[in-house]
Every structure is written in structure tokens, then in C-alpha cells.
Amino acid sequence: MVEDKCIFPPCPKCKEGYLVPFSFKEDVFEKWKCTKCGYVVGKRE
């Protein structure tokens, strides 16, 4: 088993990418987007 050294959480949808914070005129941690499938999670859902 390969140890996962990524500091970002894994994507709950595709399980392959990671959720990374991104911002567009808002709090930098307001939305998180998957690096693989593009799934978006908002912190106020």
C-alpha cells in the first residue's frame, strides 16, 4: 500500500482526486473543487 502524502482531503465523489480550496471574490476556503472530476463542495451547504 502506498502512503498518501497529500495534505488535501480525497474527493468523496470520484475517490481519485483531491479537494483543493479555490476562490473568486470570496473567502478562499468557501468552495473546494476536485482536481480530477471537478466536483465542488461549498462550506455552507
PDB file of N, CA and C in Angstrom:
ATOM      1  N   MET A   1       0.846  -1.193   0.000  1.00  0.00           N
ATOM      2  CA  MET A   1       0.000   0.000   0.000  1.00  0.00           C
ATOM      3  C   MET A   1       0.886   1.249   0.000  1.00  0.00           C
ATOM      4  N   VAL A   2       0.591   2.173  -0.869  1.00  0.00           N
ATOM      5  CA  VAL A   2       1.362   3.406  -0.970  1.00  0.00           C
ATOM      6  C   VAL A   2       0.813   4.419   0.014  1.00  0.00           C
ATOM      7  N   GLU A   3       1.701   5.037   0.766  1.00  0.00           N
ATOM      8  CA  GLU A   3       1.274   6.036   1.745  1.00  0.00           C
ATOM      9  C   GLU A   3       0.890   7.321   1.027  1.00  0.00           C
ATOM     10  N   ASP A   4      -0.278   7.851   1.367  1.00  0.00           N
ATOM     11  CA  ASP A   4      -0.775   9.077   0.748  1.00  0.00           C
ATOM     12  C   ASP A   4      -0.214  10.277   1.499  1.00  0.00           C
ATOM     13  N   LYS A   5       0.577  11.101   0.815  1.00  0.00           N
ATOM     14  CA  LYS A   5       1.207  12.242   1.472  1.00  0.00           C
ATOM     15  C   LYS A   5       0.541  13.576   1.140  1.00  0.00           C
ATOM     16  N   CYS A   6      -0.610  13.534   0.474  1.00  0.00           N
ATOM     17  CA  CYS A   6      -1.307  14.761   0.111  1.00  0.00           C
ATOM     18  C   CYS A   6      -1.968  15.373   1.341  1.00  0.00           C
ATOM     19  N   ILE A   7      -1.848  16.694   1.494  1.00  0.00           N
ATOM     20  CA  ILE A   7      -2.445  17.361   2.654  1.00  0.00           C
ATOM     21  C   ILE A   7      -3.919  17.665   2.449  1.00  0.00           C
ATOM     22  N   PHE A   8      -4.414  17.544   1.220  1.00  0.00           N
ATOM     23  CA  PHE A   8      -5.810  17.836   0.932  1.00  0.00           C
ATOM     24  C   PHE A   8      -6.667  16.576   1.052  1.00  0.00           C
ATOM     25  N   PRO A   9      -7.951  16.745   1.408  1.00  0.00           N
ATOM     26  CA  PRO A   9      -8.830  15.577   1.561  1.00  0.00           C
ATOM     27  C   PRO A   9      -9.183  14.943   0.221  1.00  0.00           C
ATOM     28  N   PRO A  10      -9.396  13.634   0.200  1.00  0.00           N
ATOM     29  CA  PRO A  10      -9.778  12.968  -1.038  1.00  0.00           C
ATOM     30  C   PRO A  10     -11.196  13.346  -1.447  1.00  0.00           C
ATOM     31  N   CYS A  11     -11.468  13.310  -2.740  1.00  0.00           N
ATOM     32  CA  CYS A  11     -12.798  13.648  -3.252  1.00  0.00           C
ATOM     33  C   CYS A  11     -13.790  12.547  -2.877  1.00  0.00           C
ATOM     34  N   PRO A  12     -14.928  12.917  -2.258  1.00  0.00           N
ATOM     35  CA  PRO A  12     -15.923  11.914  -1.875  1.00  0.00           C
ATOM     36  C   PRO A  12     -16.702  11.359  -3.071  1.00  0.00           C
ATOM     37  N   LYS A  13     -16.646  12.053  -4.202  1.00  0.00           N
ATOM     38  CA  LYS A  13     -17.400  11.611  -5.371  1.00  0.00           C
ATOM     39  C   LYS A  13     -16.621  10.612  -6.232  1.00  0.00           C
ATOM     40  N   CYS A  14     -15.435  10.990  -6.688  1.00  0.00           N
ATOM     41  CA  CYS A  14     -14.686  10.120  -7.602  1.00  0.00           C
ATOM     42  C   CYS A  14     -13.635   9.260  -6.896  1.00  0.00           C
ATOM     43  N   LYS A  15     -13.264   9.646  -5.674  1.00  0.00           N
ATOM     44  CA  LYS A  15     -12.259   8.919  -4.876  1.00  0.00           C
ATOM     45  C   LYS A  15     -10.860   8.903  -5.494  1.00  0.00           C
ATOM     46  N   GLU A  16     -10.650   9.657  -6.558  1.00  0.00           N
ATOM     47  CA  GLU A  16      -9.342   9.670  -7.220  1.00  0.00           C
ATOM     48  C   GLU A  16      -8.624  11.011  -7.072  1.00  0.00           C
ATOM     49  N   GLY A  17      -9.384  12.091  -7.107  1.00  0.00           N
ATOM     50  CA  GLY A  17      -8.790  13.420  -6.999  1.00  0.00           C
ATOM     51  C   GLY A  17      -8.783  13.908  -5.558  1.00  0.00           C
ATOM     52  N   TYR A  18      -8.385  15.162  -5.384  1.00  0.00           N
ATOM     53  CA  TYR A  18      -8.339  15.779  -4.062  1.00  0.00           C
ATOM     54  C   TYR A  18      -9.115  17.084  -4.087  1.00  0.00           C
ATOM     55  N   LEU A  19      -9.709  17.416  -2.958  1.00  0.00           N
ATOM     56  CA  LEU A  19     -10.436  18.673  -2.834  1.00  0.00           C
ATOM     57  C   LEU A  19      -9.453  19.766  -2.451  1.00  0.00           C
ATOM     58  N   VAL A  20      -9.353  20.779  -3.303  1.00  0.00           N
ATOM     59  CA  VAL A  20      -8.465  21.903  -3.039  1.00  0.00           C
ATOM     60  C   VAL A  20      -9.290  23.185  -2.988  1.00  0.00           C
ATOM     61  N   PRO A  21      -8.924  24.113  -2.095  1.00  0.00           N
ATOM     62  CA  PRO A  21      -9.684  25.365  -1.989  1.00  0.00           C
ATOM     63  C   PRO A  21      -9.430  26.276  -3.177  1.00  0.00           C
ATOM     64  N   PHE A  22     -10.476  26.969  -3.609  1.00  0.00           N
ATOM     65  CA  PHE A  22     -10.303  27.976  -4.638  1.00  0.00           C
ATOM     66  C   PHE A  22     -11.242  29.137  -4.337  1.00  0.00           C
ATOM     67  N   SER A  23     -10.930  30.292  -4.863  1.00  0.00           N
ATOM     68  CA  SER A  23     -11.686  31.486  -4.528  1.00  0.00           C
ATOM     69  C   SER A  23     -11.854  32.387  -5.737  1.00  0.00           C
ATOM     70  N   PHE A  24     -13.008  33.023  -5.809  1.00  0.00           N
ATOM     71  CA  PHE A  24     -13.253  34.059  -6.801  1.00  0.00           C
ATOM     72  C   PHE A  24     -14.096  35.116  -6.113  1.00  0.00           C
ATOM     73  N   LYS A  25     -13.431  36.149  -5.611  1.00  0.00           N
ATOM     74  CA  LYS A  25     -14.093  37.244  -4.889  1.00  0.00           C
ATOM     75  C   LYS A  25     -14.859  36.750  -3.665  1.00  0.00           C
ATOM     76  N   GLU A  26     -14.290  35.779  -2.951  1.00  0.00           N
ATOM     77  CA  GLU A  26     -14.913  35.282  -1.732  1.00  0.00           C
ATOM     78  C   GLU A  26     -13.843  34.654  -0.848  1.00  0.00           C
ATOM     79  N   ASP A  27     -14.254  34.174   0.296  1.00  0.00           N
ATOM     80  CA  ASP A  27     -13.352  33.511   1.224  1.00  0.00           C
ATOM     81  C   ASP A  27     -12.622  32.370   0.511  1.00  0.00           C
ATOM     82  N   VAL A  28     -11.314  32.278   0.673  1.00  0.00           N
ATOM     83  CA  VAL A  28     -10.520  31.275  -0.041  1.00  0.00           C
ATOM     84  C   VAL A  28     -10.966  29.847   0.275  1.00  0.00           C
ATOM     85  N   PHE A  29     -11.524  29.611   1.456  1.00  0.00           N
ATOM     86  CA  PHE A  29     -11.981  28.270   1.827  1.00  0.00           C
ATOM     87  C   PHE A  29     -13.497  28.108   1.683  1.00  0.00           C
ATOM     88  N   GLU A  30     -14.130  29.025   0.960  1.00  0.00           N
ATOM     89  CA  GLU A  30     -15.577  28.969   0.762  1.00  0.00           C
ATOM     90  C   GLU A  30     -15.978  27.760  -0.077  1.00  0.00           C
ATOM     91  N   LYS A  31     -15.209  27.483  -1.114  1.00  0.00           N
ATOM     92  CA  LYS A  31     -15.522  26.361  -2.007  1.00  0.00           C
ATOM     93  C   LYS A  31     -14.272  25.503  -2.187  1.00  0.00           C
ATOM     94  N   TRP A  32     -14.524  24.208  -2.322  1.00  0.00           N
ATOM     95  CA  TRP A  32     -13.436  23.265  -2.575  1.00  0.00           C
ATOM     96  C   TRP A  32     -13.760  22.524  -3.868  1.00  0.00           C
ATOM     97  N   LYS A  33     -12.778  22.360  -4.739  1.00  0.00           N
ATOM     98  CA  LYS A  33     -13.013  21.731  -6.031  1.00  0.00           C
ATOM     99  C   LYS A  33     -12.068  20.545  -6.216  1.00  0.00           C
ATOM    100  N   CYS A  34     -12.603  19.456  -6.767  1.00  0.00           N
ATOM    101  CA  CYS A  34     -11.801  18.262  -7.008  1.00  0.00           C
ATOM    102  C   CYS A  34     -10.829  18.494  -8.158  1.00  0.00           C
ATOM    103  N   THR A  35      -9.605  18.010  -7.981  1.00  0.00           N
ATOM    104  CA  THR A  35      -8.575  18.160  -9.006  1.00  0.00           C
ATOM    105  C   THR A  35      -8.785  17.208 -10.178  1.00  0.00           C
ATOM    106  N   LYS A  36      -9.597  16.188 -10.007  1.00  0.00           N
ATOM    107  CA  LYS A  36      -9.790  15.165 -11.046  1.00  0.00           C
ATOM    108  C   LYS A  36     -11.129  15.333 -11.781  1.00  0.00           C
ATOM    109  N   CYS A  37     -12.245  15.330 -11.031  1.00  0.00           N
ATOM    110  CA  CYS A  37     -13.563  15.314 -11.686  1.00  0.00           C
ATOM    111  C   CYS A  37     -14.269  16.671 -11.693  1.00  0.00           C
ATOM    112  N   GLY A  38     -13.745  17.658 -10.956  1.00  0.00           N
ATOM    113  CA  GLY A  38     -14.359  18.981 -10.951  1.00  0.00           C
ATOM    114  C   GLY A  38     -15.506  19.136  -9.965  1.00  0.00           C
ATOM    115  N   TYR A  39     -15.757  18.135  -9.131  1.00  0.00           N
ATOM    116  CA  TYR A  39     -16.810  18.194  -8.115  1.00  0.00           C
ATOM    117  C   TYR A  39     -16.544  19.363  -7.170  1.00  0.00           C
ATOM    118  N   VAL A  40     -17.578  20.128  -6.825  1.00  0.00           N
ATOM    119  CA  VAL A  40     -17.430  21.296  -5.965  1.00  0.00           C
ATOM    120  C   VAL A  40     -18.210  21.120  -4.677  1.00  0.00           C
ATOM    121  N   VAL A  41     -17.552  21.436  -3.555  1.00  0.00           N
ATOM    122  CA  VAL A  41     -18.194  21.372  -2.246  1.00  0.00           C
ATOM    123  C   VAL A  41     -18.119  22.768  -1.649  1.00  0.00           C
ATOM    124  N   GLY A  42     -19.260  23.282  -1.180  1.00  0.00           N
ATOM    125  CA  GLY A  42     -19.286  24.568  -0.507  1.00  0.00           C
ATOM    126  C   GLY A  42     -19.344  24.359   0.994  1.00  0.00           C
ATOM    127  N   LYS A  43     -18.704  25.229   1.764  1.00  0.00           N
ATOM    128  CA  LYS A  43     -18.686  25.025   3.211  1.00  0.00           C
ATOM    129  C   LYS A  43     -20.011  25.355   3.876  1.00  0.00           C
ATOM    130  N   ARG A  44     -20.900  26.059   3.187  1.00  0.00           N
ATOM    131  CA  ARG A  44     -22.190  26.436   3.788  1.00  0.00           C
ATOM    132  C   ARG A  44     -23.360  25.690   3.178  1.00  0.00           C
ATOM    133  N   GLU A  45     -23.169  24.452   2.817  1.00  0.00           N
ATOM    134  CA  GLU A  45     -24.255  23.674   2.210  1.00  0.00           C
ATOM    135  C   GLU A  45     -25.194  23.144   3.267  1.00  0.00           C
TER     136      GLU A  45
END
